[in-house]
N, C-alpha and C. Protein backbone atom coordinates (compact mmCIF):
# COMPACT_ATOMS: atom_id res chain seq x y z
N MET A 1 9.54 -141.50 44.98
CA MET A 1 8.21 -141.63 44.43
C MET A 1 7.64 -140.23 44.23
N ASP A 2 7.00 -139.98 43.10
CA ASP A 2 6.42 -138.69 42.78
C ASP A 2 5.19 -138.46 43.65
N ALA A 3 4.97 -137.22 44.09
CA ALA A 3 3.84 -136.91 44.98
C ALA A 3 2.51 -137.21 44.31
N ASP A 4 2.43 -137.06 42.99
CA ASP A 4 1.18 -137.29 42.27
C ASP A 4 0.88 -138.78 42.12
N SER A 5 1.86 -139.64 42.17
CA SER A 5 1.64 -141.07 41.95
C SER A 5 1.35 -141.83 43.25
N ARG A 6 1.34 -141.15 44.39
CA ARG A 6 1.04 -141.83 45.65
C ARG A 6 -0.45 -142.13 45.75
N SER A 7 -0.75 -143.22 46.43
CA SER A 7 -2.15 -143.60 46.58
C SER A 7 -2.79 -142.80 47.70
N ILE A 8 -4.10 -142.83 47.76
CA ILE A 8 -4.85 -142.11 48.80
C ILE A 8 -4.46 -142.62 50.19
N PRO A 9 -4.37 -143.93 50.41
CA PRO A 9 -3.95 -144.38 51.74
C PRO A 9 -2.56 -143.88 52.13
N GLU A 10 -1.66 -143.81 51.15
CA GLU A 10 -0.32 -143.28 51.44
C GLU A 10 -0.39 -141.81 51.81
N LEU A 11 -1.18 -141.06 51.09
CA LEU A 11 -1.35 -139.63 51.40
C LEU A 11 -1.96 -139.42 52.77
N VAL A 12 -2.98 -140.22 53.08
CA VAL A 12 -3.62 -140.11 54.40
C VAL A 12 -2.64 -140.49 55.50
N SER A 13 -1.86 -141.53 55.24
CA SER A 13 -0.86 -141.95 56.23
C SER A 13 0.18 -140.85 56.45
N THR A 14 0.64 -140.25 55.38
CA THR A 14 1.62 -139.15 55.48
C THR A 14 1.02 -137.97 56.22
N LEU A 15 -0.22 -137.63 55.87
CA LEU A 15 -0.91 -136.52 56.53
C LEU A 15 -1.07 -136.79 58.02
N THR A 16 -1.46 -138.01 58.37
CA THR A 16 -1.63 -138.38 59.78
C THR A 16 -0.31 -138.28 60.53
N ALA A 17 0.75 -138.77 59.92
CA ALA A 17 2.07 -138.70 60.57
C ALA A 17 2.51 -137.25 60.74
N ASP A 18 2.29 -136.43 59.70
CA ASP A 18 2.66 -135.02 59.79
C ASP A 18 1.86 -134.29 60.86
N LEU A 19 0.57 -134.58 60.92
CA LEU A 19 -0.27 -133.94 61.94
C LEU A 19 0.13 -134.38 63.35
N ALA A 20 0.46 -135.65 63.51
CA ALA A 20 0.90 -136.14 64.82
C ALA A 20 2.20 -135.46 65.23
N ASN A 21 3.11 -135.31 64.27
CA ASN A 21 4.38 -134.63 64.54
C ASN A 21 4.13 -133.17 64.91
N LEU A 22 3.22 -132.54 64.18
CA LEU A 22 2.88 -131.14 64.47
C LEU A 22 2.30 -130.99 65.87
N VAL A 23 1.38 -131.86 66.23
CA VAL A 23 0.76 -131.79 67.57
C VAL A 23 1.82 -132.02 68.65
N ARG A 24 2.73 -132.96 68.41
CA ARG A 24 3.79 -133.23 69.39
C ARG A 24 4.67 -132.00 69.57
N LYS A 25 5.06 -131.38 68.46
CA LYS A 25 5.92 -130.19 68.56
C LYS A 25 5.19 -129.02 69.20
N GLU A 26 3.92 -128.86 68.89
CA GLU A 26 3.15 -127.78 69.51
C GLU A 26 3.01 -128.01 71.02
N SER A 27 2.82 -129.26 71.42
CA SER A 27 2.70 -129.52 72.86
C SER A 27 4.03 -129.27 73.56
N GLU A 28 5.15 -129.56 72.89
CA GLU A 28 6.46 -129.23 73.46
C GLU A 28 6.62 -127.72 73.61
N LEU A 29 6.16 -126.97 72.63
CA LEU A 29 6.22 -125.52 72.69
C LEU A 29 5.38 -124.99 73.85
N VAL A 30 4.18 -125.54 74.03
CA VAL A 30 3.32 -125.11 75.13
C VAL A 30 3.98 -125.41 76.47
N ARG A 31 4.54 -126.62 76.60
CA ARG A 31 5.21 -126.98 77.86
C ARG A 31 6.37 -126.04 78.15
N THR A 32 7.15 -125.72 77.14
CA THR A 32 8.29 -124.82 77.33
C THR A 32 7.83 -123.44 77.74
N GLU A 33 6.81 -122.93 77.07
CA GLU A 33 6.33 -121.58 77.40
C GLU A 33 5.69 -121.53 78.79
N VAL A 34 4.95 -122.57 79.15
CA VAL A 34 4.35 -122.60 80.49
C VAL A 34 5.45 -122.66 81.55
N ALA A 35 6.51 -123.42 81.29
CA ALA A 35 7.63 -123.48 82.24
C ALA A 35 8.27 -122.10 82.40
N GLU A 36 8.42 -121.37 81.29
CA GLU A 36 8.97 -120.01 81.38
C GLU A 36 8.06 -119.11 82.22
N LYS A 37 6.75 -119.21 81.97
CA LYS A 37 5.80 -118.37 82.71
C LYS A 37 5.80 -118.72 84.19
N LEU A 38 5.94 -120.00 84.52
CA LEU A 38 6.00 -120.40 85.92
C LEU A 38 7.27 -119.87 86.58
N GLY A 39 8.36 -119.83 85.82
CA GLY A 39 9.61 -119.24 86.35
C GLY A 39 9.42 -117.77 86.66
N GLU A 40 8.72 -117.06 85.77
CA GLU A 40 8.44 -115.65 86.01
C GLU A 40 7.55 -115.48 87.24
N ALA A 41 6.57 -116.37 87.39
CA ALA A 41 5.69 -116.31 88.56
C ALA A 41 6.46 -116.58 89.84
N ALA A 42 7.43 -117.48 89.78
CA ALA A 42 8.26 -117.77 90.96
C ALA A 42 9.07 -116.54 91.35
N LYS A 43 9.63 -115.86 90.34
CA LYS A 43 10.38 -114.63 90.63
C LYS A 43 9.46 -113.57 91.22
N ALA A 44 8.25 -113.47 90.69
CA ALA A 44 7.29 -112.50 91.24
C ALA A 44 6.94 -112.87 92.69
N GLY A 45 6.84 -114.17 92.95
CA GLY A 45 6.58 -114.62 94.32
C GLY A 45 7.72 -114.23 95.26
N GLN A 46 8.94 -114.31 94.77
CA GLN A 46 10.08 -113.89 95.58
C GLN A 46 9.99 -112.40 95.89
N ARG A 47 9.62 -111.61 94.88
CA ARG A 47 9.49 -110.16 95.11
C ARG A 47 8.36 -109.86 96.10
N ILE A 48 7.29 -110.65 96.03
CA ILE A 48 6.20 -110.48 97.01
C ILE A 48 6.72 -110.76 98.41
N GLY A 49 7.50 -111.81 98.55
CA GLY A 49 8.07 -112.14 99.86
C GLY A 49 8.99 -111.04 100.37
N ILE A 50 9.85 -110.54 99.50
CA ILE A 50 10.76 -109.46 99.89
C ILE A 50 9.96 -108.21 100.25
N GLY A 51 8.95 -107.91 99.42
CA GLY A 51 8.10 -106.75 99.71
C GLY A 51 7.38 -106.90 101.04
N GLY A 52 6.92 -108.11 101.34
CA GLY A 52 6.26 -108.36 102.62
C GLY A 52 7.21 -108.16 103.79
N ALA A 53 8.45 -108.62 103.62
CA ALA A 53 9.44 -108.43 104.68
C ALA A 53 9.73 -106.94 104.89
N LEU A 54 9.81 -106.19 103.79
CA LEU A 54 10.03 -104.74 103.91
C LEU A 54 8.84 -104.05 104.59
N LEU A 55 7.63 -104.49 104.27
CA LEU A 55 6.46 -103.92 104.93
C LEU A 55 6.44 -104.25 106.42
N LEU A 56 6.87 -105.45 106.77
CA LEU A 56 6.97 -105.80 108.19
C LEU A 56 7.98 -104.91 108.89
N GLY A 57 9.12 -104.70 108.21
CA GLY A 57 10.13 -103.80 108.78
C GLY A 57 9.57 -102.40 108.97
N ALA A 58 8.80 -101.94 107.97
CA ALA A 58 8.19 -100.61 108.07
C ALA A 58 7.22 -100.55 109.25
N PHE A 59 6.45 -101.59 109.41
CA PHE A 59 5.52 -101.63 110.53
C PHE A 59 6.26 -101.58 111.87
N LEU A 60 7.35 -102.33 111.96
CA LEU A 60 8.12 -102.32 113.20
C LEU A 60 8.76 -100.96 113.47
N VAL A 61 9.26 -100.33 112.40
CA VAL A 61 9.85 -99.01 112.58
C VAL A 61 8.78 -97.99 113.00
N LEU A 62 7.60 -98.09 112.39
CA LEU A 62 6.52 -97.18 112.77
C LEU A 62 6.06 -97.44 114.21
N LEU A 63 6.06 -98.69 114.61
CA LEU A 63 5.75 -98.98 116.01
C LEU A 63 6.82 -98.38 116.94
N GLN A 64 8.07 -98.48 116.51
CA GLN A 64 9.15 -97.87 117.29
C GLN A 64 8.92 -96.36 117.40
N ALA A 65 8.50 -95.75 116.28
CA ALA A 65 8.24 -94.30 116.29
C ALA A 65 7.10 -93.97 117.24
N LEU A 66 6.09 -94.81 117.26
CA LEU A 66 4.97 -94.56 118.17
C LEU A 66 5.41 -94.67 119.63
N VAL A 67 6.24 -95.65 119.91
CA VAL A 67 6.77 -95.80 121.27
C VAL A 67 7.60 -94.57 121.65
N LEU A 68 8.45 -94.15 120.71
CA LEU A 68 9.27 -92.96 120.98
C LEU A 68 8.39 -91.72 121.19
N ALA A 69 7.31 -91.63 120.41
CA ALA A 69 6.42 -90.48 120.54
C ALA A 69 5.75 -90.46 121.91
N LEU A 70 5.40 -91.63 122.36
CA LEU A 70 4.74 -91.69 123.66
C LEU A 70 5.73 -91.46 124.81
N SER A 71 6.96 -91.85 124.62
CA SER A 71 7.93 -91.71 125.71
C SER A 71 8.54 -90.32 125.76
N LYS A 72 8.83 -89.75 124.62
CA LYS A 72 9.41 -88.41 124.58
C LYS A 72 9.29 -87.85 123.17
N VAL A 73 9.12 -86.62 123.06
CA VAL A 73 8.99 -85.98 121.75
C VAL A 73 10.32 -85.30 121.44
N MET A 74 11.10 -86.00 120.56
CA MET A 74 12.42 -85.51 120.21
C MET A 74 12.70 -85.82 118.74
N ASP A 75 13.86 -85.47 118.28
CA ASP A 75 14.25 -85.70 116.90
C ASP A 75 14.25 -87.18 116.50
N PRO A 76 14.62 -88.11 117.35
CA PRO A 76 14.57 -89.52 116.94
C PRO A 76 13.18 -89.96 116.47
N LEU A 77 12.17 -89.34 116.96
CA LEU A 77 10.80 -89.66 116.54
C LEU A 77 10.64 -89.41 115.04
N TRP A 78 11.01 -88.22 114.61
CA TRP A 78 10.84 -87.87 113.20
C TRP A 78 11.72 -88.73 112.30
N ALA A 79 12.89 -89.05 112.77
CA ALA A 79 13.76 -89.94 111.98
C ALA A 79 13.10 -91.31 111.80
N SER A 80 12.51 -91.84 112.86
CA SER A 80 11.84 -93.14 112.77
C SER A 80 10.64 -93.09 111.83
N ILE A 81 9.90 -91.99 111.86
CA ILE A 81 8.74 -91.86 110.97
C ILE A 81 9.17 -91.81 109.51
N VAL A 82 10.20 -91.04 109.21
CA VAL A 82 10.67 -90.94 107.83
C VAL A 82 11.16 -92.30 107.33
N VAL A 83 11.96 -92.99 108.13
CA VAL A 83 12.47 -94.30 107.73
C VAL A 83 11.30 -95.28 107.54
N GLY A 84 10.37 -95.26 108.44
CA GLY A 84 9.20 -96.16 108.34
C GLY A 84 8.39 -95.92 107.08
N LEU A 85 8.16 -94.66 106.74
CA LEU A 85 7.40 -94.35 105.54
C LEU A 85 8.14 -94.76 104.27
N VAL A 86 9.43 -94.49 104.22
CA VAL A 86 10.21 -94.84 103.04
C VAL A 86 10.23 -96.35 102.82
N VAL A 87 10.48 -97.11 103.88
CA VAL A 87 10.52 -98.57 103.76
C VAL A 87 9.14 -99.11 103.39
N GLY A 88 8.09 -98.53 103.96
CA GLY A 88 6.73 -98.95 103.64
C GLY A 88 6.37 -98.71 102.19
N LEU A 89 6.72 -97.55 101.67
CA LEU A 89 6.44 -97.25 100.27
C LEU A 89 7.23 -98.16 99.34
N LEU A 90 8.46 -98.45 99.69
CA LEU A 90 9.28 -99.35 98.89
C LEU A 90 8.67 -100.76 98.84
N GLY A 91 8.26 -101.26 99.97
CA GLY A 91 7.64 -102.59 100.03
C GLY A 91 6.34 -102.64 99.25
N PHE A 92 5.54 -101.60 99.38
CA PHE A 92 4.28 -101.53 98.64
C PHE A 92 4.53 -101.55 97.14
N ALA A 93 5.47 -100.77 96.67
CA ALA A 93 5.77 -100.71 95.24
C ALA A 93 6.27 -102.06 94.72
N LEU A 94 7.09 -102.75 95.51
CA LEU A 94 7.61 -104.05 95.10
C LEU A 94 6.50 -105.08 94.97
N ILE A 95 5.62 -105.14 95.94
CA ILE A 95 4.50 -106.09 95.89
C ILE A 95 3.56 -105.76 94.74
N ARG A 96 3.28 -104.50 94.54
CA ARG A 96 2.35 -104.09 93.47
C ARG A 96 2.90 -104.49 92.10
N SER A 97 4.19 -104.29 91.87
CA SER A 97 4.76 -104.66 90.57
C SER A 97 4.78 -106.18 90.39
N ALA A 98 4.99 -106.92 91.45
CA ALA A 98 5.04 -108.38 91.35
C ALA A 98 3.66 -108.97 91.10
N VAL A 99 2.63 -108.41 91.72
CA VAL A 99 1.27 -108.93 91.55
C VAL A 99 0.83 -108.79 90.10
N ARG A 100 1.25 -107.77 89.42
CA ARG A 100 0.90 -107.59 88.01
C ARG A 100 1.46 -108.72 87.14
N LYS A 101 2.58 -109.28 87.56
CA LYS A 101 3.23 -110.33 86.77
C LYS A 101 2.53 -111.68 86.88
N ILE A 102 1.75 -111.92 87.91
CA ILE A 102 1.19 -113.25 88.12
C ILE A 102 -0.31 -113.30 87.86
N THR A 103 -0.82 -112.43 87.01
CA THR A 103 -2.22 -112.50 86.62
C THR A 103 -2.41 -113.71 85.70
N PRO A 104 -3.62 -114.28 85.66
CA PRO A 104 -3.84 -115.42 84.75
C PRO A 104 -3.52 -115.08 83.30
N ALA A 105 -3.83 -113.87 82.86
CA ALA A 105 -3.53 -113.48 81.49
C ALA A 105 -2.01 -113.44 81.26
N GLY A 106 -1.26 -113.08 82.27
CA GLY A 106 0.19 -113.04 82.14
C GLY A 106 0.83 -114.41 82.07
N LEU A 107 0.13 -115.44 82.55
CA LEU A 107 0.66 -116.80 82.55
C LEU A 107 0.26 -117.59 81.30
N ALA A 108 -0.63 -117.05 80.48
CA ALA A 108 -1.09 -117.77 79.29
C ALA A 108 0.04 -117.93 78.28
N PRO A 109 0.14 -119.10 77.65
CA PRO A 109 1.18 -119.33 76.65
C PRO A 109 0.81 -118.67 75.32
N GLN A 110 1.06 -117.39 75.18
CA GLN A 110 0.62 -116.62 74.03
C GLN A 110 1.37 -116.99 72.75
N ARG A 111 2.66 -117.19 72.84
CA ARG A 111 3.43 -117.55 71.64
C ARG A 111 2.96 -118.88 71.08
N ALA A 112 2.71 -119.84 71.95
CA ALA A 112 2.26 -121.16 71.49
C ALA A 112 0.88 -121.05 70.84
N ALA A 113 0.00 -120.23 71.43
CA ALA A 113 -1.33 -120.05 70.85
C ALA A 113 -1.24 -119.44 69.46
N ARG A 114 -0.37 -118.44 69.30
CA ARG A 114 -0.19 -117.84 67.96
C ARG A 114 0.34 -118.86 66.97
N GLN A 115 1.30 -119.68 67.42
CA GLN A 115 1.88 -120.69 66.52
C GLN A 115 0.84 -121.72 66.13
N ILE A 116 0.00 -122.12 67.06
CA ILE A 116 -1.05 -123.10 66.75
C ILE A 116 -2.03 -122.51 65.73
N GLN A 117 -2.37 -121.23 65.88
CA GLN A 117 -3.25 -120.59 64.90
C GLN A 117 -2.61 -120.56 63.52
N LYS A 118 -1.31 -120.25 63.47
CA LYS A 118 -0.60 -120.24 62.18
C LYS A 118 -0.61 -121.63 61.56
N ASP A 119 -0.35 -122.65 62.38
CA ASP A 119 -0.32 -124.02 61.88
C ASP A 119 -1.70 -124.45 61.38
N ALA A 120 -2.74 -124.08 62.10
CA ALA A 120 -4.10 -124.41 61.68
C ALA A 120 -4.42 -123.75 60.35
N GLN A 121 -4.00 -122.51 60.18
CA GLN A 121 -4.22 -121.81 58.92
C GLN A 121 -3.43 -122.49 57.80
N LEU A 122 -2.21 -122.91 58.08
CA LEU A 122 -1.39 -123.60 57.08
C LEU A 122 -2.06 -124.89 56.64
N VAL A 123 -2.60 -125.65 57.60
CA VAL A 123 -3.28 -126.90 57.25
C VAL A 123 -4.51 -126.59 56.41
N LYS A 124 -5.26 -125.57 56.76
CA LYS A 124 -6.44 -125.20 55.97
C LYS A 124 -6.04 -124.83 54.55
N ASP A 125 -4.96 -124.07 54.42
CA ASP A 125 -4.50 -123.67 53.09
C ASP A 125 -4.05 -124.87 52.27
N GLN A 126 -3.42 -125.86 52.92
CA GLN A 126 -2.95 -127.05 52.22
C GLN A 126 -4.10 -127.94 51.76
N VAL A 127 -5.18 -127.96 52.55
CA VAL A 127 -6.33 -128.80 52.22
C VAL A 127 -7.08 -128.24 51.03
N GLN A 128 -7.10 -126.91 50.90
CA GLN A 128 -7.85 -126.28 49.80
C GLN A 128 -7.22 -126.45 48.50
């Protein structure tokens, strides 16, 4: 059937079906992108946990250094301090990088939003 010979109800029906299909596909895209973002947040959560464990280790090493300092002032003290500081800085850096990944802006489905804007513009262009 020629596009020009279709009736208004047929055109409206086709438009409704196309819009429903578009909305369904866009919602699938949003779900997929949100799942990806949640996976990234889970990985960031793992890094936070690892960073926390490293900070705990640093705290324990620094406590060991304090005990050594109080018991005797020798070379093992300085070795404990250096190890404690290095582990502490490493844990801090790991947590800091992971926290940046789980901001609300980082979890937003940006690709889906751009696609929805493109689709809305396409529909506007088709209506005109």
